[in-house]
Amino acid sequence: MFETLKVGIWACVDDECPIRLLLHPEDDAATLVFGGPDGFELFLSEAALRNLLQVGTDGLSRLTTRH
């Protein structure tokens, strides 16, 4: 009956942006909340969070070895 909604969005997050983690163990998922009460929320399945962390770790490694 319902289909997954996919939205294209662009956001800029810097080192001053607070980031909170909300776990959803019943769904094997997590939400990353960027900013304050009216912030941006990113819901990720466990597999998507794992992928994000792997890609982010690789990106951070590449950035830190440039300096």
PDB file of N, CA and C in Angstrom:
ATOM      1  N   MET A   1       0.818  -1.188   0.000  1.00  0.00           N
ATOM      2  CA  MET A   1       0.000   0.000   0.000  1.00  0.00           C
ATOM      3  C   MET A   1       0.867   1.258   0.000  1.00  0.00           C
ATOM      4  N   PHE A   2       1.902   1.282   0.842  1.00  0.00           N
ATOM      5  CA  PHE A   2       2.774   2.446   0.914  1.00  0.00           C
ATOM      6  C   PHE A   2       4.096   2.148   0.238  1.00  0.00           C
ATOM      7  N   GLU A   3       4.648   3.143  -0.425  1.00  0.00           N
ATOM      8  CA  GLU A   3       5.951   3.011  -1.041  1.00  0.00           C
ATOM      9  C   GLU A   3       6.941   3.910  -0.298  1.00  0.00           C
ATOM     10  N   THR A   4       8.219   3.506  -0.321  1.00  0.00           N
ATOM     11  CA  THR A   4       9.254   4.312   0.306  1.00  0.00           C
ATOM     12  C   THR A   4       9.417   5.610  -0.459  1.00  0.00           C
ATOM     13  N   LEU A   5       9.428   6.711   0.276  1.00  0.00           N
ATOM     14  CA  LEU A   5       9.623   8.020  -0.324  1.00  0.00           C
ATOM     15  C   LEU A   5      11.107   8.327  -0.347  1.00  0.00           C
ATOM     16  N   LYS A   6      11.624   8.685  -1.496  1.00  0.00           N
ATOM     17  CA  LYS A   6      13.019   9.071  -1.620  1.00  0.00           C
ATOM     18  C   LYS A   6      13.059  10.530  -2.031  1.00  0.00           C
ATOM     19  N   VAL A   7      13.833  11.312  -1.281  1.00  0.00           N
ATOM     20  CA  VAL A   7      13.902  12.750  -1.520  1.00  0.00           C
ATOM     21  C   VAL A   7      15.355  13.137  -1.759  1.00  0.00           C
ATOM     22  N   GLY A   8      15.608  13.916  -2.789  1.00  0.00           N
ATOM     23  CA  GLY A   8      16.943  14.449  -3.017  1.00  0.00           C
ATOM     24  C   GLY A   8      17.119  15.701  -2.168  1.00  0.00           C
ATOM     25  N   ILE A   9      18.230  15.775  -1.446  1.00  0.00           N
ATOM     26  CA  ILE A   9      18.461  16.921  -0.566  1.00  0.00           C
ATOM     27  C   ILE A   9      19.955  17.165  -0.453  1.00  0.00           C
ATOM     28  N   TRP A  10      20.301  18.386  -0.193  1.00  0.00           N
ATOM     29  CA  TRP A  10      21.684  18.773   0.014  1.00  0.00           C
ATOM     30  C   TRP A  10      21.761  19.490   1.347  1.00  0.00           C
ATOM     31  N   ALA A  11      22.748  19.161   2.153  1.00  0.00           N
ATOM     32  CA  ALA A  11      22.923  19.814   3.453  1.00  0.00           C
ATOM     33  C   ALA A  11      24.403  20.030   3.704  1.00  0.00           C
ATOM     34  N   CYS A  12      24.726  21.112   4.372  1.00  0.00           N
ATOM     35  CA  CYS A  12      26.106  21.413   4.746  1.00  0.00           C
ATOM     36  C   CYS A  12      26.210  21.295   6.261  1.00  0.00           C
ATOM     37  N   VAL A  13      27.093  20.429   6.734  1.00  0.00           N
ATOM     38  CA  VAL A  13      27.273  20.216   8.173  1.00  0.00           C
ATOM     39  C   VAL A  13      28.718  20.546   8.500  1.00  0.00           C
ATOM     40  N   ASP A  14      28.923  21.462   9.460  1.00  0.00           N
ATOM     41  CA  ASP A  14      30.286  21.797   9.858  1.00  0.00           C
ATOM     42  C   ASP A  14      30.554  21.321  11.277  1.00  0.00           C
ATOM     43  N   ASP A  15      31.718  21.662  11.810  1.00  0.00           N
ATOM     44  CA  ASP A  15      32.117  21.171  13.127  1.00  0.00           C
ATOM     45  C   ASP A  15      31.334  21.791  14.275  1.00  0.00           C
ATOM     46  N   GLU A  16      30.522  22.798  13.997  1.00  0.00           N
ATOM     47  CA  GLU A  16      29.707  23.419  15.048  1.00  0.00           C
ATOM     48  C   GLU A  16      28.292  22.855  15.112  1.00  0.00           C
ATOM     49  N   CYS A  17      27.955  21.998  14.171  1.00  0.00           N
ATOM     50  CA  CYS A  17      26.613  21.422  14.118  1.00  0.00           C
ATOM     51  C   CYS A  17      26.512  20.240  15.085  1.00  0.00           C
ATOM     52  N   PRO A  18      25.613  20.322  16.064  1.00  0.00           N
ATOM     53  CA  PRO A  18      25.443  19.169  16.948  1.00  0.00           C
ATOM     54  C   PRO A  18      24.821  17.994  16.187  1.00  0.00           C
ATOM     55  N   ILE A  19      25.278  16.807  16.535  1.00  0.00           N
ATOM     56  CA  ILE A  19      24.745  15.584  15.930  1.00  0.00           C
ATOM     57  C   ILE A  19      24.394  14.626  17.061  1.00  0.00           C
ATOM     58  N   ARG A  20      23.138  14.155  17.053  1.00  0.00           N
ATOM     59  CA  ARG A  20      22.683  13.190  18.064  1.00  0.00           C
ATOM     60  C   ARG A  20      22.328  11.887  17.383  1.00  0.00           C
ATOM     61  N   LEU A  21      22.477  10.806  18.134  1.00  0.00           N
ATOM     62  CA  LEU A  21      22.129   9.474  17.649  1.00  0.00           C
ATOM     63  C   LEU A  21      20.929   8.953  18.420  1.00  0.00           C
ATOM     64  N   LEU A  22      19.922   8.504  17.696  1.00  0.00           N
ATOM     65  CA  LEU A  22      18.762   7.842  18.295  1.00  0.00           C
ATOM     66  C   LEU A  22      18.724   6.416  17.767  1.00  0.00           C
ATOM     67  N   LEU A  23      18.775   5.454  18.671  1.00  0.00           N
ATOM     68  CA  LEU A  23      18.738   4.047  18.258  1.00  0.00           C
ATOM     69  C   LEU A  23      17.314   3.524  18.220  1.00  0.00           C
ATOM     70  N   HIS A  24      17.040   2.653  17.269  1.00  0.00           N
ATOM     71  CA  HIS A  24      15.743   1.992  17.111  1.00  0.00           C
ATOM     72  C   HIS A  24      15.989   0.482  17.055  1.00  0.00           C
ATOM     73  N   PRO A  25      16.322  -0.136  18.202  1.00  0.00           N
ATOM     74  CA  PRO A  25      16.667  -1.569  18.185  1.00  0.00           C
ATOM     75  C   PRO A  25      15.540  -2.453  17.660  1.00  0.00           C
ATOM     76  N   GLU A  26      14.304  -2.024  17.847  1.00  0.00           N
ATOM     77  CA  GLU A  26      13.171  -2.822  17.369  1.00  0.00           C
ATOM     78  C   GLU A  26      13.127  -2.888  15.843  1.00  0.00           C
ATOM     79  N   ASP A  27      13.758  -1.890  15.175  1.00  0.00           N
ATOM     80  CA  ASP A  27      13.793  -1.846  13.709  1.00  0.00           C
ATOM     81  C   ASP A  27      15.186  -2.118  13.154  1.00  0.00           C
ATOM     82  N   ASP A  28      16.148  -2.436  14.033  1.00  0.00           N
ATOM     83  CA  ASP A  28      17.546  -2.587  13.605  1.00  0.00           C
ATOM     84  C   ASP A  28      17.976  -1.368  12.797  1.00  0.00           C
ATOM     85  N   ALA A  29      17.742  -0.186  13.387  1.00  0.00           N
ATOM     86  CA  ALA A  29      18.006   1.058  12.680  1.00  0.00           C
ATOM     87  C   ALA A  29      18.429   2.154  13.656  1.00  0.00           C
ATOM     88  N   ALA A  30      18.833   3.279  13.087  1.00  0.00           N
ATOM     89  CA  ALA A  30      19.236   4.435  13.884  1.00  0.00           C
ATOM     90  C   ALA A  30      18.856   5.701  13.132  1.00  0.00           C
ATOM     91  N   THR A  31      18.686   6.782  13.887  1.00  0.00           N
ATOM     92  CA  THR A  31      18.452   8.092  13.296  1.00  0.00           C
ATOM     93  C   THR A  31      19.574   9.009  13.740  1.00  0.00           C
ATOM     94  N   LEU A  32      20.172   9.710  12.785  1.00  0.00           N
ATOM     95  CA  LEU A  32      21.121  10.763  13.089  1.00  0.00           C
ATOM     96  C   LEU A  32      20.360  12.077  13.004  1.00  0.00           C
ATOM     97  N   VAL A  33      20.432  12.874  14.068  1.00  0.00           N
ATOM     98  CA  VAL A  33      19.738  14.165  14.112  1.00  0.00           C
ATOM     99  C   VAL A  33      20.794  15.252  14.058  1.00  0.00           C
ATOM    100  N   PHE A  34      20.756  16.063  13.025  1.00  0.00           N
ATOM    101  CA  PHE A  34      21.703  17.153  12.827  1.00  0.00           C
ATOM    102  C   PHE A  34      21.026  18.465  13.211  1.00  0.00           C
ATOM    103  N   GLY A  35      21.686  19.262  14.060  1.00  0.00           N
ATOM    104  CA  GLY A  35      21.129  20.552  14.459  1.00  0.00           C
ATOM    105  C   GLY A  35      20.260  20.431  15.691  1.00  0.00           C
ATOM    106  N   GLY A  36      19.489  21.485  15.931  1.00  0.00           N
ATOM    107  CA  GLY A  36      18.637  21.559  17.110  1.00  0.00           C
ATOM    108  C   GLY A  36      17.288  20.913  16.900  1.00  0.00           C
ATOM    109  N   PRO A  37      16.279  21.410  17.621  1.00  0.00           N
ATOM    110  CA  PRO A  37      14.937  20.812  17.562  1.00  0.00           C
ATOM    111  C   PRO A  37      14.325  20.786  16.159  1.00  0.00           C
ATOM    112  N   ASP A  38      14.665  21.750  15.335  1.00  0.00           N
ATOM    113  CA  ASP A  38      14.137  21.786  13.968  1.00  0.00           C
ATOM    114  C   ASP A  38      15.159  21.277  12.967  1.00  0.00           C
ATOM    115  N   GLY A  39      16.045  20.405  13.419  1.00  0.00           N
ATOM    116  CA  GLY A  39      17.146  19.930  12.586  1.00  0.00           C
ATOM    117  C   GLY A  39      16.721  18.929  11.537  1.00  0.00           C
ATOM    118  N   PHE A  40      17.713  18.415  10.884  1.00  0.00           N
ATOM    119  CA  PHE A  40      17.548  17.436   9.815  1.00  0.00           C
ATOM    120  C   PHE A  40      17.738  16.043  10.394  1.00  0.00           C
ATOM    121  N   GLU A  41      16.860  15.111  10.065  1.00  0.00           N
ATOM    122  CA  GLU A  41      16.951  13.740  10.572  1.00  0.00           C
ATOM    123  C   GLU A  41      17.218  12.781   9.429  1.00  0.00           C
ATOM    124  N   LEU A  42      18.134  11.841   9.677  1.00  0.00           N
ATOM    125  CA  LEU A  42      18.487  10.838   8.690  1.00  0.00           C
ATOM    126  C   LEU A  42      18.282   9.462   9.312  1.00  0.00           C
ATOM    127  N   PHE A  43      17.269   8.740   8.831  1.00  0.00           N
ATOM    128  CA  PHE A  43      16.950   7.400   9.328  1.00  0.00           C
ATOM    129  C   PHE A  43      17.727   6.391   8.501  1.00  0.00           C
ATOM    130  N   LEU A  44      18.481   5.506   9.178  1.00  0.00           N
ATOM    131  CA  LEU A  44      19.326   4.538   8.492  1.00  0.00           C
ATOM    132  C   LEU A  44      19.084   3.134   9.022  1.00  0.00           C
ATOM    133  N   SER A  45      18.968   2.186   8.120  1.00  0.00           N
ATOM    134  CA  SER A  45      18.941   0.793   8.549  1.00  0.00           C
ATOM    135  C   SER A  45      20.331   0.442   9.081  1.00  0.00           C
ATOM    136  N   GLU A  46      20.435  -0.685   9.749  1.00  0.00           N
ATOM    137  CA  GLU A  46      21.741  -1.107  10.275  1.00  0.00           C
ATOM    138  C   GLU A  46      22.769  -1.234   9.148  1.00  0.00           C
ATOM    139  N   ALA A  47      22.368  -1.811   8.037  1.00  0.00           N
ATOM    140  CA  ALA A  47      23.284  -1.974   6.900  1.00  0.00           C
ATOM    141  C   ALA A  47      23.686  -0.621   6.312  1.00  0.00           C
ATOM    142  N   ALA A  48      22.731   0.308   6.215  1.00  0.00           N
ATOM    143  CA  ALA A  48      23.034   1.638   5.680  1.00  0.00           C
ATOM    144  C   ALA A  48      23.969   2.401   6.622  1.00  0.00           C
ATOM    145  N   LEU A  49      23.770   2.277   7.937  1.00  0.00           N
ATOM    146  CA  LEU A  49      24.651   2.926   8.910  1.00  0.00           C
ATOM    147  C   LEU A  49      26.055   2.346   8.807  1.00  0.00           C
ATOM    148  N   ARG A  50      26.160   1.037   8.674  1.00  0.00           N
ATOM    149  CA  ARG A  50      27.463   0.387   8.525  1.00  0.00           C
ATOM    150  C   ARG A  50      28.165   0.913   7.276  1.00  0.00           C
ATOM    151  N   ASN A  51      27.445   1.019   6.173  1.00  0.00           N
ATOM    152  CA  ASN A  51      28.008   1.532   4.924  1.00  0.00           C
ATOM    153  C   ASN A  51      28.455   2.988   5.085  1.00  0.00           C
ATOM    154  N   LEU A  52      27.628   3.808   5.729  1.00  0.00           N
ATOM    155  CA  LEU A  52      27.974   5.209   5.967  1.00  0.00           C
ATOM    156  C   LEU A  52      29.264   5.317   6.775  1.00  0.00           C
ATOM    157  N   LEU A  53      29.392   4.490   7.814  1.00  0.00           N
ATOM    158  CA  LEU A  53      30.595   4.518   8.647  1.00  0.00           C
ATOM    159  C   LEU A  53      31.826   4.058   7.872  1.00  0.00           C
ATOM    160  N   GLN A  54      31.683   3.051   7.023  1.00  0.00           N
ATOM    161  CA  GLN A  54      32.819   2.584   6.222  1.00  0.00           C
ATOM    162  C   GLN A  54      33.263   3.653   5.226  1.00  0.00           C
ATOM    163  N   VAL A  55      32.318   4.251   4.537  1.00  0.00           N
ATOM    164  CA  VAL A  55      32.637   5.298   3.564  1.00  0.00           C
ATOM    165  C   VAL A  55      33.206   6.528   4.286  1.00  0.00           C
ATOM    166  N   GLY A  56      32.603   6.887   5.425  1.00  0.00           N
ATOM    167  CA  GLY A  56      33.087   8.029   6.197  1.00  0.00           C
ATOM    168  C   GLY A  56      34.488   7.812   6.748  1.00  0.00           C
ATOM    169  N   THR A  57      34.770   6.610   7.218  1.00  0.00           N
ATOM    170  CA  THR A  57      36.105   6.285   7.726  1.00  0.00           C
ATOM    171  C   THR A  57      37.130   6.382   6.613  1.00  0.00           C
ATOM    172  N   ASP A  58      36.793   5.882   5.432  1.00  0.00           N
ATOM    173  CA  ASP A  58      37.695   5.978   4.286  1.00  0.00           C
ATOM    174  C   ASP A  58      37.923   7.442   3.906  1.00  0.00           C
ATOM    175  N   GLY A  59      36.850   8.219   3.864  1.00  0.00           N
ATOM    176  CA  GLY A  59      36.973   9.639   3.534  1.00  0.00           C
ATOM    177  C   GLY A  59      37.820  10.395   4.535  1.00  0.00           C
ATOM    178  N   LEU A  60      37.624  10.130   5.814  1.00  0.00           N
ATOM    179  CA  LEU A  60      38.408  10.787   6.863  1.00  0.00           C
ATOM    180  C   LEU A  60      39.876  10.409   6.755  1.00  0.00           C
ATOM    181  N   SER A  61      40.156   9.154   6.482  1.00  0.00           N
ATOM    182  CA  SER A  61      41.529   8.701   6.306  1.00  0.00           C
ATOM    183  C   SER A  61      42.198   9.436   5.152  1.00  0.00           C
ATOM    184  N   ARG A  62      41.488   9.567   4.045  1.00  0.00           N
ATOM    185  CA  ARG A  62      42.045  10.267   2.881  1.00  0.00           C
ATOM    186  C   ARG A  62      42.281  11.749   3.180  1.00  0.00           C
ATOM    187  N   LEU A  63      41.356  12.368   3.902  1.00  0.00           N
ATOM    188  CA  LEU A  63      41.518  13.795   4.246  1.00  0.00           C
ATOM    189  C   LEU A  63      42.701  14.010   5.174  1.00  0.00           C
ATOM    190  N   THR A  64      42.865  13.140   6.171  1.00  0.00           N
ATOM    191  CA  THR A  64      43.928  13.337   7.155  1.00  0.00           C
ATOM    192  C   THR A  64      45.301  13.008   6.573  1.00  0.00           C
ATOM    193  N   THR A  65      45.397  12.146   5.569  1.00  0.00           N
ATOM    194  CA  THR A  65      46.698  11.841   4.979  1.00  0.00           C
ATOM    195  C   THR A  65      47.134  12.907   3.985  1.00  0.00           C
ATOM    196  N   ARG A  66      46.231  13.777   3.571  1.00  0.00           N
ATOM    197  CA  ARG A  66      46.594  14.879   2.656  1.00  0.00           C
ATOM    198  C   ARG A  66      47.407  15.934   3.359  1.00  0.00           C
ATOM    199  N   HIS A  67      47.268  16.049   4.685  1.00  0.00           N
ATOM    200  CA  HIS A  67      47.919  17.144   5.426  1.00  0.00           C
ATOM    201  C   HIS A  67      49.248  16.731   5.968  1.00  0.00           C
TER     202      HIS A  67
END
